[in-house]
């Protein structure tokens, strides 16, 4: 059906360096069919996109539709990651506190009325 130049592809998943996934020729054909039905890409473009997106056909379709795919952030250093996590935690705690104060004030105003 489609000219596939290779029969098996080994992919090392970037999130976990210990996990290796083998993709067969049939899997690649299925992914090509799915992407071809959802987009107007040619088979050559689909094969290039599969390689570019590490054989994740869902990300190819999202890119075609204009949906921004969240990219994992790169940790520059341990110190930066520690302070980033602290900021996230403190921001969440501050938001929760402010929401609680707003609800408390809203309840007091309703009770006075």
C-alpha atoms as a PDB file:
ATOM      1  CA  UNK A   1       0.000   0.000   0.000  1.00  0.00           C
ATOM      2  CA  UNK A   2       2.628   2.569   1.088  1.00  0.00           C
ATOM      3  CA  UNK A   3       6.332   2.343   0.347  1.00  0.00           C
ATOM      4  CA  UNK A   4       7.970   1.717   3.710  1.00  0.00           C
ATOM      5  CA  UNK A   5      11.740   1.594   3.579  1.00  0.00           C
ATOM      6  CA  UNK A   6      12.287  -0.196   6.869  1.00  0.00           C
ATOM      7  CA  UNK A   7      10.622  -3.065   8.615  1.00  0.00           C
ATOM      8  CA  UNK A   8      11.306  -2.315  12.282  1.00  0.00           C
ATOM      9  CA  UNK A   9      12.163   0.855  14.112  1.00  0.00           C
ATOM     10  CA  UNK A  10      13.579   0.985  17.607  1.00  0.00           C
ATOM     11  CA  UNK A  11      12.659   4.100  19.544  1.00  0.00           C
ATOM     12  CA  UNK A  12      14.204   5.136  22.813  1.00  0.00           C
ATOM     13  CA  UNK A  13      11.561   7.125  24.609  1.00  0.00           C
ATOM     14  CA  UNK A  14      13.141  10.387  25.843  1.00  0.00           C
ATOM     15  CA  UNK A  15      11.238  10.536  29.153  1.00  0.00           C
ATOM     16  CA  UNK A  16      12.649   7.232  30.337  1.00  0.00           C
ATOM     17  CA  UNK A  17      16.013   6.137  29.021  1.00  0.00           C
ATOM     18  CA  UNK A  18      15.382   2.512  30.037  1.00  0.00           C
ATOM     19  CA  UNK A  19      12.266   2.002  27.925  1.00  0.00           C
ATOM     20  CA  UNK A  20      12.768   0.917  24.319  1.00  0.00           C
ATOM     21  CA  UNK A  21       9.816   0.451  22.006  1.00  0.00           C
ATOM     22  CA  UNK A  22       9.837  -1.489  18.754  1.00  0.00           C
ATOM     23  CA  UNK A  23       7.507  -0.336  15.998  1.00  0.00           C
ATOM     24  CA  UNK A  24       6.720  -2.799  13.250  1.00  0.00           C
ATOM     25  CA  UNK A  25       5.955  -2.124   9.611  1.00  0.00           C
ATOM     26  CA  UNK A  26       2.236  -2.710  10.257  1.00  0.00           C
ATOM     27  CA  UNK A  27       2.240  -0.183  13.094  1.00  0.00           C
ATOM     28  CA  UNK A  28       3.844   2.408  10.828  1.00  0.00           C
ATOM     29  CA  UNK A  29       1.259   1.716   8.131  1.00  0.00           C
ATOM     30  CA  UNK A  30      -1.550   2.094  10.671  1.00  0.00           C
ATOM     31  CA  UNK A  31      -0.123   5.395  11.902  1.00  0.00           C
ATOM     32  CA  UNK A  32       0.233   6.591   8.298  1.00  0.00           C
ATOM     33  CA  UNK A  33      -3.398   5.676   7.619  1.00  0.00           C
ATOM     34  CA  UNK A  34      -4.615   7.495  10.730  1.00  0.00           C
ATOM     35  CA  UNK A  35      -2.632  10.647   9.943  1.00  0.00           C
ATOM     36  CA  UNK A  36      -3.625  10.502   6.265  1.00  0.00           C
ATOM     37  CA  UNK A  37      -7.341  10.353   7.175  1.00  0.00           C
ATOM     38  CA  UNK A  38      -7.073  13.307   9.537  1.00  0.00           C
ATOM     39  CA  UNK A  39      -4.790  15.571   7.472  1.00  0.00           C
ATOM     40  CA  UNK A  40      -4.037  16.402   3.872  1.00  0.00           C
ATOM     41  CA  UNK A  41      -0.350  15.422   4.157  1.00  0.00           C
ATOM     42  CA  UNK A  42       1.205  13.207   1.508  1.00  0.00           C
ATOM     43  CA  UNK A  43       2.748   9.887   2.490  1.00  0.00           C
ATOM     44  CA  UNK A  44       6.246  11.341   2.217  1.00  0.00           C
ATOM     45  CA  UNK A  45       5.286  14.220   4.486  1.00  0.00           C
ATOM     46  CA  UNK A  46       3.706  11.801   6.943  1.00  0.00           C
ATOM     47  CA  UNK A  47       6.856   9.671   7.083  1.00  0.00           C
ATOM     48  CA  UNK A  48       8.969  12.788   7.693  1.00  0.00           C
ATOM     49  CA  UNK A  49       6.575  13.952  10.409  1.00  0.00           C
ATOM     50  CA  UNK A  50       6.594  10.521  12.070  1.00  0.00           C
ATOM     51  CA  UNK A  51      10.359  10.683  12.332  1.00  0.00           C
ATOM     52  CA  UNK A  52      10.238  14.299  13.529  1.00  0.00           C
ATOM     53  CA  UNK A  53       7.624  13.532  16.214  1.00  0.00           C
ATOM     54  CA  UNK A  54       9.207  10.224  17.340  1.00  0.00           C
ATOM     55  CA  UNK A  55       6.393   8.155  15.798  1.00  0.00           C
ATOM     56  CA  UNK A  56       3.683   9.848  17.847  1.00  0.00           C
ATOM     57  CA  UNK A  57       0.825  10.187  15.367  1.00  0.00           C
ATOM     58  CA  UNK A  58      -1.377  12.076  17.837  1.00  0.00           C
ATOM     59  CA  UNK A  59       1.173  14.913  18.065  1.00  0.00           C
ATOM     60  CA  UNK A  60       1.298  15.118  14.258  1.00  0.00           C
ATOM     61  CA  UNK A  61      -2.467  15.556  14.083  1.00  0.00           C
ATOM     62  CA  UNK A  62      -2.428  18.114  16.910  1.00  0.00           C
ATOM     63  CA  UNK A  63       0.295  20.066  15.095  1.00  0.00           C
ATOM     64  CA  UNK A  64      -1.762  20.005  11.894  1.00  0.00           C
ATOM     65  CA  UNK A  65      -4.814  21.325  13.751  1.00  0.00           C
ATOM     66  CA  UNK A  66      -2.782  24.079  15.408  1.00  0.00           C
ATOM     67  CA  UNK A  67      -2.953  22.669  18.919  1.00  0.00           C
ATOM     68  CA  UNK A  68       0.209  23.496  20.832  1.00  0.00           C
ATOM     69  CA  UNK A  69       1.764  20.367  22.264  1.00  0.00           C
ATOM     70  CA  UNK A  70       3.192  20.932  25.737  1.00  0.00           C
ATOM     71  CA  UNK A  71       6.897  20.301  25.677  1.00  0.00           C
ATOM     72  CA  UNK A  72       8.615  18.966  28.773  1.00  0.00           C
ATOM     73  CA  UNK A  73      10.810  21.598  30.348  1.00  0.00           C
ATOM     74  CA  UNK A  74      14.522  21.098  30.608  1.00  0.00           C
ATOM     75  CA  UNK A  75      16.071  21.182  34.040  1.00  0.00           C
ATOM     76  CA  UNK A  76      19.079  23.499  33.879  1.00  0.00           C
ATOM     77  CA  UNK A  77      20.421  22.794  37.344  1.00  0.00           C
ATOM     78  CA  UNK A  78      19.304  21.268  40.616  1.00  0.00           C
ATOM     79  CA  UNK A  79      19.180  24.682  42.312  1.00  0.00           C
ATOM     80  CA  UNK A  80      16.914  26.105  39.612  1.00  0.00           C
ATOM     81  CA  UNK A  81      14.587  23.127  39.892  1.00  0.00           C
ATOM     82  CA  UNK A  82      14.441  23.419  43.698  1.00  0.00           C
ATOM     83  CA  UNK A  83      13.529  27.108  43.572  1.00  0.00           C
ATOM     84  CA  UNK A  84      11.067  26.530  40.756  1.00  0.00           C
ATOM     85  CA  UNK A  85       9.259  23.882  42.799  1.00  0.00           C
ATOM     86  CA  UNK A  86       9.272  26.179  45.843  1.00  0.00           C
ATOM     87  CA  UNK A  87       7.746  29.015  43.795  1.00  0.00           C
ATOM     88  CA  UNK A  88       5.075  26.709  42.416  1.00  0.00           C
ATOM     89  CA  UNK A  89       4.197  25.417  45.888  1.00  0.00           C
ATOM     90  CA  UNK A  90       4.132  28.883  47.458  1.00  0.00           C
ATOM     91  CA  UNK A  91       2.059  30.310  44.589  1.00  0.00           C
ATOM     92  CA  UNK A  92      -0.484  27.520  45.027  1.00  0.00           C
ATOM     93  CA  UNK A  93      -0.608  28.074  48.797  1.00  0.00           C
ATOM     94  CA  UNK A  94      -1.069  31.842  48.345  1.00  0.00           C
ATOM     95  CA  UNK A  95      -3.848  31.287  45.808  1.00  0.00           C
ATOM     96  CA  UNK A  96      -5.622  28.866  48.147  1.00  0.00           C
ATOM     97  CA  UNK A  97      -5.321  31.327  51.043  1.00  0.00           C
ATOM     98  CA  UNK A  98      -6.642  34.231  48.958  1.00  0.00           C
ATOM     99  CA  UNK A  99      -9.530  32.124  47.679  1.00  0.00           C
ATOM    100  CA  UNK A 100     -10.362  31.166  51.255  1.00  0.00           C
ATOM    101  CA  UNK A 101     -10.282  34.804  52.375  1.00  0.00           C
ATOM    102  CA  UNK A 102     -12.528  35.794  49.459  1.00  0.00           C
ATOM    103  CA  UNK A 103     -15.038  33.071  50.337  1.00  0.00           C
ATOM    104  CA  UNK A 104     -14.929  34.098  54.003  1.00  0.00           C
ATOM    105  CA  UNK A 105     -15.546  37.765  53.137  1.00  0.00           C
ATOM    106  CA  UNK A 106     -18.325  36.838  50.713  1.00  0.00           C
ATOM    107  CA  UNK A 107     -20.017  34.732  53.422  1.00  0.00           C
ATOM    108  CA  UNK A 108     -19.759  37.564  55.970  1.00  0.00           C
ATOM    109  CA  UNK A 109     -21.298  40.016  53.504  1.00  0.00           C
ATOM    110  CA  UNK A 110     -24.153  37.607  52.789  1.00  0.00           C
ATOM    111  CA  UNK A 111     -24.777  37.119  56.520  1.00  0.00           C
ATOM    112  CA  UNK A 112     -24.919  40.922  57.083  1.00  0.00           C
ATOM    113  CA  UNK A 113     -27.394  41.460  54.264  1.00  0.00           C
END
